[in-house]
Amino acid sequence: MSVAGSLEEPFFAGCQAAGVPLIRVMANFKGEMGYFDAEAAMRAQLEAAVPLSEKYNVTIGVQQHYGNGVFNSMELRHLLDGFDRNRVGAIWDAAHSGLAGEDAAKGLGIVWDYLCLINLKAAYYKRVNGPEAEQARFKPYFTTARHGNTDWDKALAFCHAHGYQGPVCFPAEYTDEANVLTYIAQDLAYAKSLMQQDA
């Protein structure tokens, strides 16, 4: 169980009171700051929040996300390097790892020592303007498991082979929001079949 939140003390206190062991955050860098300066600022925020994590016994999970912040697994590992994994961990997101062009097993292997949660969702880049346009434009399209850039079978097989015991989250994020319930039911069934295959 986890909750998306901030690194403010009320979130930690609320999670402890509700029995939620994990706060999910993303390192999205905004403004004109260069990447390494932004990363250092994010590390400082995490370091400042570690005493709250200890006080309330709630772990901080950082997820990678396409865009200007921490995008791929190596960037996430670099951000977390040196932290106590019981206080600050990695959330590996299958969709965003795929958008970064990563192989699932490689991405998971990079963050393995810090892994505290897996998000299973799927995406690919879809062109949003026509072939006659002077400049091609692409946006992420969140789709069902079998149609994204990440191989869920490979991801779950890697986790099984390495003894992963942590939580797996199904965010049910789809660009076609009208059919979310149909798609998540299909993806849950697919993931269950993969897990049974690896058992």
N, C-alpha and C. Protein backbone atom coordinates (compact mmCIF):
# COMPACT_ATOMS: atom_id res chain seq x y z
N MET A 1 0.84 -1.17 0.00
CA MET A 1 0.00 0.00 0.00
C MET A 1 0.89 1.24 0.00
N SER A 2 0.50 2.25 -0.76
CA SER A 2 1.28 3.48 -0.85
C SER A 2 0.34 4.64 -1.14
N VAL A 3 0.87 5.85 -1.00
CA VAL A 3 0.10 7.04 -1.32
C VAL A 3 1.02 8.04 -1.99
N ALA A 4 0.53 8.69 -3.04
CA ALA A 4 1.28 9.77 -3.67
C ALA A 4 1.14 11.00 -2.80
N GLY A 5 2.26 11.62 -2.47
CA GLY A 5 2.19 12.76 -1.57
C GLY A 5 3.42 13.64 -1.68
N SER A 6 3.71 14.34 -0.61
CA SER A 6 4.86 15.24 -0.57
C SER A 6 5.75 14.83 0.60
N LEU A 7 6.82 15.56 0.78
CA LEU A 7 7.76 15.24 1.85
C LEU A 7 7.54 16.11 3.07
N GLU A 8 6.32 16.61 3.23
CA GLU A 8 5.97 17.39 4.41
C GLU A 8 5.56 16.46 5.55
N GLU A 9 5.79 16.92 6.78
CA GLU A 9 5.53 16.06 7.95
C GLU A 9 4.09 15.56 8.04
N PRO A 10 3.06 16.38 7.70
CA PRO A 10 1.69 15.85 7.81
C PRO A 10 1.44 14.61 6.96
N PHE A 11 2.12 14.49 5.81
CA PHE A 11 1.95 13.29 5.00
C PHE A 11 2.52 12.06 5.71
N PHE A 12 3.68 12.23 6.33
CA PHE A 12 4.27 11.11 7.06
C PHE A 12 3.38 10.71 8.24
N ALA A 13 2.90 11.69 8.96
CA ALA A 13 2.04 11.40 10.12
C ALA A 13 0.75 10.72 9.68
N GLY A 14 0.16 11.21 8.59
CA GLY A 14 -1.07 10.62 8.08
C GLY A 14 -0.86 9.19 7.62
N CYS A 15 0.28 8.93 6.96
CA CYS A 15 0.56 7.57 6.51
C CYS A 15 0.73 6.63 7.69
N GLN A 16 1.44 7.09 8.73
CA GLN A 16 1.61 6.25 9.91
C GLN A 16 0.27 5.94 10.55
N ALA A 17 -0.58 6.96 10.67
CA ALA A 17 -1.89 6.77 11.29
C ALA A 17 -2.77 5.81 10.50
N ALA A 18 -2.62 5.84 9.18
CA ALA A 18 -3.45 4.99 8.32
C ALA A 18 -2.81 3.63 8.03
N GLY A 19 -1.60 3.43 8.52
CA GLY A 19 -0.92 2.16 8.27
C GLY A 19 -0.37 2.03 6.86
N VAL A 20 -0.07 3.17 6.22
CA VAL A 20 0.49 3.17 4.86
C VAL A 20 2.01 3.28 4.98
N PRO A 21 2.76 2.30 4.49
CA PRO A 21 4.21 2.28 4.73
C PRO A 21 5.05 3.06 3.72
N LEU A 22 4.44 3.62 2.67
CA LEU A 22 5.23 4.20 1.58
C LEU A 22 4.58 5.46 1.03
N ILE A 23 5.38 6.53 0.93
CA ILE A 23 4.97 7.76 0.24
C ILE A 23 5.67 7.77 -1.11
N ARG A 24 4.89 7.97 -2.17
CA ARG A 24 5.45 8.01 -3.53
C ARG A 24 5.64 9.46 -3.98
N VAL A 25 6.85 9.75 -4.47
CA VAL A 25 7.15 11.07 -5.02
C VAL A 25 7.90 10.89 -6.34
N MET A 26 7.94 11.95 -7.13
CA MET A 26 8.71 11.94 -8.37
C MET A 26 9.69 13.10 -8.34
N ALA A 27 10.82 12.93 -8.99
CA ALA A 27 11.83 13.98 -9.09
C ALA A 27 11.65 14.68 -10.43
N ASN A 28 10.61 15.51 -10.51
CA ASN A 28 10.37 16.29 -11.73
C ASN A 28 11.06 17.64 -11.57
N PHE A 29 12.03 17.92 -12.41
CA PHE A 29 12.82 19.14 -12.30
C PHE A 29 12.21 20.23 -13.17
N LYS A 30 11.97 21.38 -12.59
CA LYS A 30 11.35 22.48 -13.33
C LYS A 30 12.29 23.69 -13.32
N GLY A 31 12.02 24.63 -14.21
CA GLY A 31 12.80 25.86 -14.24
C GLY A 31 14.06 25.72 -15.09
N GLU A 32 14.96 26.66 -14.91
CA GLU A 32 16.15 26.77 -15.75
C GLU A 32 17.36 26.05 -15.16
N MET A 33 17.22 25.46 -14.01
CA MET A 33 18.34 24.79 -13.35
C MET A 33 18.83 23.62 -14.19
N GLY A 34 20.16 23.45 -14.29
CA GLY A 34 20.73 22.31 -15.00
C GLY A 34 20.43 21.01 -14.27
N TYR A 35 20.60 19.90 -14.98
CA TYR A 35 20.21 18.60 -14.42
C TYR A 35 20.91 18.30 -13.11
N PHE A 36 22.23 18.44 -13.06
CA PHE A 36 22.95 18.04 -11.86
C PHE A 36 22.65 18.96 -10.68
N ASP A 37 22.43 20.24 -10.95
CA ASP A 37 22.03 21.14 -9.87
C ASP A 37 20.64 20.75 -9.35
N ALA A 38 19.74 20.40 -10.27
CA ALA A 38 18.40 19.99 -9.86
C ALA A 38 18.45 18.68 -9.09
N GLU A 39 19.31 17.76 -9.53
CA GLU A 39 19.46 16.50 -8.81
C GLU A 39 19.98 16.75 -7.40
N ALA A 40 20.95 17.64 -7.26
CA ALA A 40 21.50 17.95 -5.94
C ALA A 40 20.43 18.56 -5.03
N ALA A 41 19.57 19.40 -5.61
CA ALA A 41 18.48 20.00 -4.83
C ALA A 41 17.50 18.93 -4.38
N MET A 42 17.21 17.94 -5.26
CA MET A 42 16.30 16.86 -4.90
C MET A 42 16.92 15.98 -3.82
N ARG A 43 18.22 15.71 -3.92
CA ARG A 43 18.90 14.93 -2.88
C ARG A 43 18.80 15.64 -1.53
N ALA A 44 18.95 16.95 -1.55
CA ALA A 44 18.85 17.72 -0.31
C ALA A 44 17.45 17.59 0.29
N GLN A 45 16.42 17.59 -0.55
CA GLN A 45 15.06 17.41 -0.06
C GLN A 45 14.88 16.03 0.56
N LEU A 46 15.43 15.03 -0.10
CA LEU A 46 15.32 13.67 0.42
C LEU A 46 16.08 13.53 1.74
N GLU A 47 17.27 14.10 1.80
CA GLU A 47 18.06 14.04 3.03
C GLU A 47 17.32 14.71 4.19
N ALA A 48 16.66 15.84 3.89
CA ALA A 48 15.91 16.55 4.93
C ALA A 48 14.71 15.75 5.39
N ALA A 49 14.18 14.88 4.53
CA ALA A 49 12.99 14.09 4.87
C ALA A 49 13.32 12.78 5.55
N VAL A 50 14.57 12.35 5.53
CA VAL A 50 14.94 11.08 6.15
C VAL A 50 14.59 11.04 7.64
N PRO A 51 14.84 12.09 8.42
CA PRO A 51 14.42 12.03 9.83
C PRO A 51 12.92 11.82 10.01
N LEU A 52 12.11 12.37 9.09
CA LEU A 52 10.66 12.14 9.15
C LEU A 52 10.33 10.69 8.82
N SER A 53 11.05 10.13 7.85
CA SER A 53 10.87 8.72 7.52
C SER A 53 11.18 7.84 8.72
N GLU A 54 12.25 8.19 9.44
CA GLU A 54 12.63 7.42 10.63
C GLU A 54 11.61 7.61 11.75
N LYS A 55 11.18 8.86 11.96
CA LYS A 55 10.25 9.17 13.05
C LYS A 55 8.93 8.43 12.89
N TYR A 56 8.41 8.38 11.65
CA TYR A 56 7.09 7.80 11.42
C TYR A 56 7.15 6.39 10.82
N ASN A 57 8.36 5.91 10.55
CA ASN A 57 8.56 4.59 9.96
C ASN A 57 7.79 4.44 8.65
N VAL A 58 7.93 5.45 7.81
CA VAL A 58 7.31 5.46 6.48
C VAL A 58 8.42 5.68 5.46
N THR A 59 8.53 4.78 4.50
CA THR A 59 9.57 4.87 3.47
C THR A 59 9.18 5.89 2.41
N ILE A 60 10.19 6.53 1.84
CA ILE A 60 10.01 7.44 0.70
C ILE A 60 10.36 6.66 -0.56
N GLY A 61 9.44 6.57 -1.49
CA GLY A 61 9.70 5.92 -2.77
C GLY A 61 9.75 6.95 -3.87
N VAL A 62 10.83 6.95 -4.65
CA VAL A 62 11.00 7.90 -5.75
C VAL A 62 10.82 7.16 -7.07
N GLN A 63 9.93 7.68 -7.90
CA GLN A 63 9.62 7.06 -9.19
C GLN A 63 10.22 7.87 -10.34
N GLN A 64 10.74 7.17 -11.33
CA GLN A 64 11.18 7.87 -12.53
C GLN A 64 9.97 8.25 -13.39
N HIS A 65 10.14 9.28 -14.22
CA HIS A 65 9.02 9.78 -15.03
C HIS A 65 9.59 10.48 -16.25
N TYR A 66 8.97 10.25 -17.42
CA TYR A 66 9.47 10.90 -18.63
C TYR A 66 9.40 12.42 -18.48
N GLY A 67 10.29 13.12 -19.15
CA GLY A 67 10.28 14.58 -19.08
C GLY A 67 11.61 15.13 -18.60
N ASN A 68 11.55 16.23 -17.85
CA ASN A 68 12.77 16.95 -17.49
C ASN A 68 13.47 16.45 -16.24
N GLY A 69 12.84 15.55 -15.52
CA GLY A 69 13.44 15.09 -14.27
C GLY A 69 14.16 13.77 -14.41
N VAL A 70 14.10 12.97 -13.34
CA VAL A 70 14.71 11.65 -13.33
C VAL A 70 13.87 10.73 -14.22
N PHE A 71 14.44 10.30 -15.33
CA PHE A 71 13.70 9.62 -16.38
C PHE A 71 14.01 8.13 -16.42
N ASN A 72 15.29 7.78 -16.52
CA ASN A 72 15.62 6.37 -16.68
C ASN A 72 16.14 5.77 -15.37
N SER A 73 16.36 4.48 -15.39
CA SER A 73 16.73 3.77 -14.17
C SER A 73 18.10 4.19 -13.64
N MET A 74 19.05 4.47 -14.53
CA MET A 74 20.37 4.88 -14.06
C MET A 74 20.32 6.24 -13.39
N GLU A 75 19.51 7.15 -13.92
CA GLU A 75 19.35 8.45 -13.27
C GLU A 75 18.73 8.28 -11.88
N LEU A 76 17.75 7.38 -11.77
CA LEU A 76 17.12 7.13 -10.49
C LEU A 76 18.12 6.53 -9.50
N ARG A 77 18.91 5.58 -9.96
CA ARG A 77 19.92 4.96 -9.10
C ARG A 77 20.95 6.00 -8.64
N HIS A 78 21.35 6.87 -9.54
CA HIS A 78 22.34 7.90 -9.20
C HIS A 78 21.78 8.85 -8.14
N LEU A 79 20.50 9.20 -8.28
CA LEU A 79 19.86 10.07 -7.29
C LEU A 79 19.84 9.42 -5.91
N LEU A 80 19.58 8.13 -5.85
CA LEU A 80 19.38 7.43 -4.58
C LEU A 80 20.67 6.89 -3.97
N ASP A 81 21.73 6.89 -4.72
CA ASP A 81 22.97 6.27 -4.27
C ASP A 81 23.41 6.83 -2.92
N GLY A 82 23.64 5.94 -1.96
CA GLY A 82 24.11 6.34 -0.64
C GLY A 82 23.02 6.42 0.42
N PHE A 83 21.76 6.45 0.01
CA PHE A 83 20.66 6.47 0.98
C PHE A 83 20.44 5.08 1.56
N ASP A 84 19.90 5.04 2.76
CA ASP A 84 19.43 3.79 3.35
C ASP A 84 18.16 3.38 2.61
N ARG A 85 18.19 2.23 1.97
CA ARG A 85 17.05 1.80 1.15
C ARG A 85 15.78 1.60 1.97
N ASN A 86 15.91 1.44 3.27
CA ASN A 86 14.71 1.33 4.11
C ASN A 86 14.05 2.69 4.35
N ARG A 87 14.77 3.73 4.06
CA ARG A 87 14.25 5.08 4.23
C ARG A 87 13.88 5.72 2.89
N VAL A 88 14.72 5.49 1.87
CA VAL A 88 14.50 6.06 0.54
C VAL A 88 14.72 4.96 -0.49
N GLY A 89 13.67 4.62 -1.22
CA GLY A 89 13.75 3.53 -2.18
C GLY A 89 13.36 3.94 -3.59
N ALA A 90 13.48 2.99 -4.50
CA ALA A 90 13.19 3.22 -5.92
C ALA A 90 11.85 2.60 -6.30
N ILE A 91 11.06 3.36 -7.02
CA ILE A 91 9.85 2.83 -7.64
C ILE A 91 10.13 2.71 -9.13
N TRP A 92 10.17 1.48 -9.61
CA TRP A 92 10.42 1.25 -11.03
C TRP A 92 9.08 1.21 -11.75
N ASP A 93 8.93 2.09 -12.73
CA ASP A 93 7.68 2.19 -13.49
C ASP A 93 7.91 1.63 -14.89
N ALA A 94 7.16 0.58 -15.22
CA ALA A 94 7.36 -0.10 -16.50
C ALA A 94 7.12 0.82 -17.69
N ALA A 95 6.09 1.66 -17.62
CA ALA A 95 5.77 2.54 -18.75
C ALA A 95 6.87 3.56 -18.98
N HIS A 96 7.32 4.21 -17.92
CA HIS A 96 8.32 5.26 -18.08
C HIS A 96 9.69 4.68 -18.40
N SER A 97 9.98 3.49 -17.89
CA SER A 97 11.20 2.80 -18.28
C SER A 97 11.18 2.51 -19.78
N GLY A 98 10.00 2.06 -20.27
CA GLY A 98 9.87 1.80 -21.70
C GLY A 98 9.98 3.06 -22.53
N LEU A 99 9.41 4.15 -22.05
CA LEU A 99 9.52 5.42 -22.77
C LEU A 99 10.97 5.89 -22.84
N ALA A 100 11.77 5.48 -21.85
CA ALA A 100 13.20 5.81 -21.85
C ALA A 100 13.99 4.88 -22.77
N GLY A 101 13.31 3.87 -23.34
CA GLY A 101 13.97 2.95 -24.25
C GLY A 101 14.73 1.85 -23.56
N GLU A 102 14.40 1.58 -22.29
CA GLU A 102 15.15 0.59 -21.54
C GLU A 102 14.61 -0.83 -21.74
N ASP A 103 15.51 -1.78 -21.67
CA ASP A 103 15.14 -3.18 -21.51
C ASP A 103 14.68 -3.37 -20.07
N ALA A 104 13.58 -4.10 -19.87
CA ALA A 104 13.00 -4.23 -18.54
C ALA A 104 13.97 -4.82 -17.53
N ALA A 105 14.63 -5.91 -17.88
CA ALA A 105 15.54 -6.55 -16.94
C ALA A 105 16.73 -5.65 -16.63
N LYS A 106 17.22 -4.94 -17.62
CA LYS A 106 18.35 -4.03 -17.38
C LYS A 106 17.94 -2.92 -16.42
N GLY A 107 16.76 -2.31 -16.67
CA GLY A 107 16.30 -1.23 -15.80
C GLY A 107 16.10 -1.69 -14.37
N LEU A 108 15.45 -2.84 -14.21
CA LEU A 108 15.23 -3.38 -12.87
C LEU A 108 16.54 -3.73 -12.18
N GLY A 109 17.47 -4.26 -12.93
CA GLY A 109 18.77 -4.61 -12.36
C GLY A 109 19.52 -3.40 -11.84
N ILE A 110 19.37 -2.27 -12.52
CA ILE A 110 20.07 -1.06 -12.11
C ILE A 110 19.57 -0.55 -10.76
N VAL A 111 18.26 -0.62 -10.54
CA VAL A 111 17.70 -0.08 -9.28
C VAL A 111 17.43 -1.17 -8.25
N TRP A 112 17.83 -2.41 -8.53
CA TRP A 112 17.43 -3.54 -7.71
C TRP A 112 17.71 -3.35 -6.22
N ASP A 113 18.87 -2.84 -5.87
CA ASP A 113 19.23 -2.69 -4.46
C ASP A 113 18.32 -1.71 -3.72
N TYR A 114 17.63 -0.86 -4.45
CA TYR A 114 16.77 0.15 -3.84
C TYR A 114 15.28 -0.10 -4.10
N LEU A 115 14.96 -1.14 -4.82
CA LEU A 115 13.59 -1.35 -5.29
C LEU A 115 12.61 -1.56 -4.14
N CYS A 116 11.56 -0.72 -4.08
CA CYS A 116 10.56 -0.85 -3.02
C CYS A 116 9.14 -0.99 -3.59
N LEU A 117 8.97 -0.74 -4.89
CA LEU A 117 7.64 -0.86 -5.51
C LEU A 117 7.82 -0.94 -7.02
N ILE A 118 6.96 -1.74 -7.65
CA ILE A 118 6.93 -1.83 -9.12
C ILE A 118 5.58 -1.34 -9.60
N ASN A 119 5.59 -0.39 -10.52
CA ASN A 119 4.37 0.06 -11.21
C ASN A 119 4.28 -0.68 -12.53
N LEU A 120 3.22 -1.45 -12.72
CA LEU A 120 3.02 -2.12 -14.00
C LEU A 120 1.99 -1.34 -14.81
N LYS A 121 2.47 -0.64 -15.80
CA LYS A 121 1.63 0.02 -16.80
C LYS A 121 2.42 0.04 -18.09
N ALA A 122 1.83 0.57 -19.16
CA ALA A 122 2.47 0.46 -20.47
C ALA A 122 2.24 1.72 -21.28
N ALA A 123 3.24 2.06 -22.12
CA ALA A 123 3.13 3.25 -22.96
C ALA A 123 4.06 3.14 -24.16
N TYR A 124 3.82 3.97 -25.14
CA TYR A 124 4.72 4.13 -26.27
C TYR A 124 4.56 5.57 -26.77
N TYR A 125 5.50 6.01 -27.62
CA TYR A 125 5.39 7.34 -28.18
C TYR A 125 4.55 7.29 -29.45
N LYS A 126 3.54 8.15 -29.51
CA LYS A 126 2.65 8.22 -30.66
C LYS A 126 2.80 9.58 -31.34
N ARG A 127 2.92 9.56 -32.65
CA ARG A 127 3.03 10.83 -33.37
C ARG A 127 1.69 11.55 -33.33
N VAL A 128 1.72 12.84 -33.03
CA VAL A 128 0.48 13.60 -32.86
C VAL A 128 0.27 14.64 -33.96
N ASN A 129 1.14 14.67 -34.95
CA ASN A 129 0.88 15.52 -36.11
C ASN A 129 1.14 14.71 -37.38
N GLY A 130 0.69 15.22 -38.49
CA GLY A 130 0.74 14.46 -39.74
C GLY A 130 2.11 14.41 -40.38
N PRO A 131 2.28 13.51 -41.35
CA PRO A 131 3.57 13.36 -42.01
C PRO A 131 3.98 14.58 -42.83
N GLU A 132 3.00 15.44 -43.14
CA GLU A 132 3.33 16.64 -43.90
C GLU A 132 3.86 17.77 -43.02
N ALA A 133 3.82 17.60 -41.71
CA ALA A 133 4.27 18.66 -40.80
C ALA A 133 5.78 18.86 -40.95
N GLU A 134 6.20 20.09 -40.79
CA GLU A 134 7.62 20.42 -40.92
C GLU A 134 8.44 19.77 -39.81
N GLN A 135 7.87 19.69 -38.61
CA GLN A 135 8.56 19.11 -37.45
C GLN A 135 7.66 18.04 -36.83
N ALA A 136 8.17 16.81 -36.74
CA ALA A 136 7.39 15.73 -36.13
C ALA A 136 7.23 15.96 -34.63
N ARG A 137 6.04 15.65 -34.11
CA ARG A 137 5.76 15.77 -32.70
C ARG A 137 5.22 14.44 -32.17
N PHE A 138 5.71 14.03 -31.01
CA PHE A 138 5.31 12.77 -30.39
C PHE A 138 4.90 13.00 -28.95
N LYS A 139 3.93 12.22 -28.49
CA LYS A 139 3.51 12.26 -27.10
C LYS A 139 3.36 10.83 -26.59
N PRO A 140 3.57 10.61 -25.29
CA PRO A 140 3.34 9.27 -24.76
C PRO A 140 1.87 8.88 -24.86
N TYR A 141 1.64 7.65 -25.23
CA TYR A 141 0.29 7.08 -25.29
C TYR A 141 0.28 5.90 -24.33
N PHE A 142 -0.55 5.99 -23.29
CA PHE A 142 -0.61 4.94 -22.28
C PHE A 142 -1.64 3.90 -22.70
N THR A 143 -1.19 2.66 -22.75
CA THR A 143 -1.96 1.61 -23.40
C THR A 143 -1.97 0.34 -22.54
N THR A 144 -2.42 -0.75 -23.12
CA THR A 144 -2.46 -2.02 -22.41
C THR A 144 -1.10 -2.72 -22.44
N ALA A 145 -0.94 -3.68 -21.55
CA ALA A 145 0.36 -4.31 -21.31
C ALA A 145 1.04 -4.81 -22.58
N ARG A 146 0.29 -5.48 -23.43
CA ARG A 146 0.90 -6.11 -24.60
C ARG A 146 1.29 -5.12 -25.69
N HIS A 147 0.89 -3.86 -25.57
CA HIS A 147 1.11 -2.90 -26.64
C HIS A 147 2.09 -1.78 -26.27
N GLY A 148 2.68 -1.86 -25.10
CA GLY A 148 3.63 -0.83 -24.68
C GLY A 148 5.06 -1.19 -25.03
N ASN A 149 5.98 -0.30 -24.69
CA ASN A 149 7.40 -0.49 -24.99
C ASN A 149 8.09 -1.47 -24.06
N THR A 150 7.48 -1.79 -22.93
CA THR A 150 8.11 -2.65 -21.94
C THR A 150 7.50 -4.04 -21.94
N ASP A 151 8.36 -5.04 -21.89
CA ASP A 151 7.93 -6.43 -21.87
C ASP A 151 7.64 -6.84 -20.42
N TRP A 152 6.35 -6.89 -20.06
CA TRP A 152 5.97 -7.27 -18.69
C TRP A 152 6.45 -8.68 -18.37
N ASP A 153 6.44 -9.56 -19.33
CA ASP A 153 6.89 -10.94 -19.10
C ASP A 153 8.34 -10.94 -18.64
N LYS A 154 9.18 -10.17 -19.33
CA LYS A 154 10.60 -10.12 -18.96
C LYS A 154 10.77 -9.47 -17.58
N ALA A 155 10.00 -8.43 -17.31
CA ALA A 155 10.10 -7.74 -16.02
C ALA A 155 9.72 -8.68 -14.87
N LEU A 156 8.60 -9.37 -15.00
CA LEU A 156 8.15 -10.25 -13.93
C LEU A 156 9.05 -11.48 -13.79
N ALA A 157 9.57 -11.98 -14.91
CA ALA A 157 10.50 -13.11 -14.84
C ALA A 157 11.78 -12.71 -14.10
N PHE A 158 12.27 -11.50 -14.35
CA PHE A 158 13.46 -11.01 -13.65
C PHE A 158 13.18 -10.91 -12.16
N CYS A 159 12.03 -10.35 -11.80
CA CYS A 159 11.67 -10.21 -10.39
C CYS A 159 11.56 -11.57 -9.71
N HIS A 160 10.94 -12.53 -10.39
CA HIS A 160 10.80 -13.87 -9.83
C HIS A 160 12.17 -14.52 -9.64
N ALA A 161 13.03 -14.39 -10.65
CA ALA A 161 14.35 -15.01 -10.59
C ALA A 161 15.20 -14.43 -9.46
N HIS A 162 14.96 -13.17 -9.13
CA HIS A 162 15.77 -12.50 -8.10
C HIS A 162 15.06 -12.41 -6.75
N GLY A 163 13.91 -13.07 -6.62
CA GLY A 163 13.25 -13.19 -5.33
C GLY A 163 12.56 -11.94 -4.85
N TYR A 164 12.04 -11.15 -5.75
CA TYR A 164 11.35 -9.93 -5.33
C TYR A 164 10.13 -10.27 -4.48
N GLN A 165 10.03 -9.63 -3.31
CA GLN A 165 8.91 -9.88 -2.39
C GLN A 165 8.07 -8.63 -2.14
N GLY A 166 8.40 -7.54 -2.80
CA GLY A 166 7.72 -6.27 -2.56
C GLY A 166 6.41 -6.13 -3.32
N PRO A 167 5.76 -5.00 -3.14
CA PRO A 167 4.46 -4.78 -3.78
C PRO A 167 4.56 -4.49 -5.28
N VAL A 168 3.50 -4.84 -5.98
CA VAL A 168 3.33 -4.50 -7.40
C VAL A 168 2.05 -3.69 -7.51
N CYS A 169 2.13 -2.53 -8.14
CA CYS A 169 0.99 -1.62 -8.26
C CYS A 169 0.52 -1.58 -9.72
N PHE A 170 -0.78 -1.54 -9.91
CA PHE A 170 -1.38 -1.40 -11.23
C PHE A 170 -2.08 -0.03 -11.28
N PRO A 171 -1.39 1.02 -11.74
CA PRO A 171 -1.96 2.37 -11.68
C PRO A 171 -3.19 2.59 -12.56
N ALA A 172 -3.46 1.69 -13.50
CA ALA A 172 -4.63 1.81 -14.38
C ALA A 172 -4.63 3.15 -15.11
N GLU A 173 -3.47 3.50 -15.67
CA GLU A 173 -3.33 4.75 -16.43
C GLU A 173 -3.39 4.42 -17.93
N TYR A 174 -4.43 4.91 -18.56
CA TYR A 174 -4.63 4.68 -20.00
C TYR A 174 -5.06 5.99 -20.65
N THR A 175 -4.51 6.26 -21.80
CA THR A 175 -4.89 7.48 -22.53
C THR A 175 -6.37 7.42 -22.92
N ASP A 176 -6.83 6.25 -23.31
CA ASP A 176 -8.25 6.04 -23.62
C ASP A 176 -9.00 5.82 -22.32
N GLU A 177 -9.33 6.91 -21.64
CA GLU A 177 -9.91 6.82 -20.30
C GLU A 177 -11.31 6.20 -20.28
N ALA A 178 -12.01 6.24 -21.40
CA ALA A 178 -13.37 5.70 -21.43
C ALA A 178 -13.40 4.19 -21.21
N ASN A 179 -12.28 3.52 -21.47
CA ASN A 179 -12.25 2.05 -21.37
C ASN A 179 -11.31 1.55 -20.28
N VAL A 180 -11.05 2.38 -19.27
CA VAL A 180 -10.11 2.02 -18.22
C VAL A 180 -10.48 0.70 -17.54
N LEU A 181 -11.75 0.52 -17.19
CA LEU A 181 -12.14 -0.69 -16.46
C LEU A 181 -11.93 -1.95 -17.30
N THR A 182 -12.20 -1.86 -18.59
CA THR A 182 -11.97 -3.01 -19.48
C THR A 182 -10.48 -3.31 -19.57
N TYR A 183 -9.67 -2.26 -19.76
CA TYR A 183 -8.23 -2.45 -19.95
C TYR A 183 -7.55 -2.97 -18.69
N ILE A 184 -7.92 -2.43 -17.52
CA ILE A 184 -7.24 -2.88 -16.30
C ILE A 184 -7.61 -4.33 -15.98
N ALA A 185 -8.84 -4.74 -16.30
CA ALA A 185 -9.22 -6.14 -16.09
C ALA A 185 -8.38 -7.05 -16.99
N GLN A 186 -8.18 -6.64 -18.23
CA GLN A 186 -7.35 -7.42 -19.16
C GLN A 186 -5.90 -7.50 -18.67
N ASP A 187 -5.38 -6.35 -18.22
CA ASP A 187 -3.98 -6.32 -17.80
C ASP A 187 -3.76 -7.09 -16.51
N LEU A 188 -4.71 -7.04 -15.59
CA LEU A 188 -4.59 -7.83 -14.36
C LEU A 188 -4.58 -9.33 -14.68
N ALA A 189 -5.46 -9.73 -15.58
CA ALA A 189 -5.50 -11.14 -15.97
C ALA A 189 -4.19 -11.56 -16.65
N TYR A 190 -3.67 -10.68 -17.50
CA TYR A 190 -2.41 -10.97 -18.19
C TYR A 190 -1.26 -11.09 -17.18
N ALA A 191 -1.16 -10.12 -16.26
CA ALA A 191 -0.10 -10.17 -15.26
C ALA A 191 -0.21 -11.42 -14.39
N LYS A 192 -1.43 -11.78 -14.02
CA LYS A 192 -1.64 -12.98 -13.21
C LYS A 192 -1.17 -14.22 -13.95
N SER A 193 -1.44 -14.28 -15.25
CA SER A 193 -1.00 -15.44 -16.03
C SER A 193 0.54 -15.51 -16.09
N LEU A 194 1.19 -14.36 -16.17
CA LEU A 194 2.65 -14.33 -16.20
C LEU A 194 3.22 -14.76 -14.86
N MET A 195 2.59 -14.31 -13.78
CA MET A 195 3.08 -14.67 -12.45
C MET A 195 2.92 -16.16 -12.19
N GLN A 196 1.80 -16.74 -12.65
CA GLN A 196 1.59 -18.17 -12.49
C GLN A 196 2.60 -18.97 -13.32
N GLN A 197 2.93 -18.43 -14.48
CA GLN A 197 3.91 -19.07 -15.36
C GLN A 197 5.29 -19.10 -14.71
N ASP A 198 5.61 -18.01 -13.95
CA ASP A 198 6.93 -17.94 -13.30
C ASP A 198 6.98 -18.69 -11.98
N ALA A 199 5.81 -19.04 -11.44
CA ALA A 199 5.77 -19.68 -10.11
C ALA A 199 6.38 -21.08 -10.13
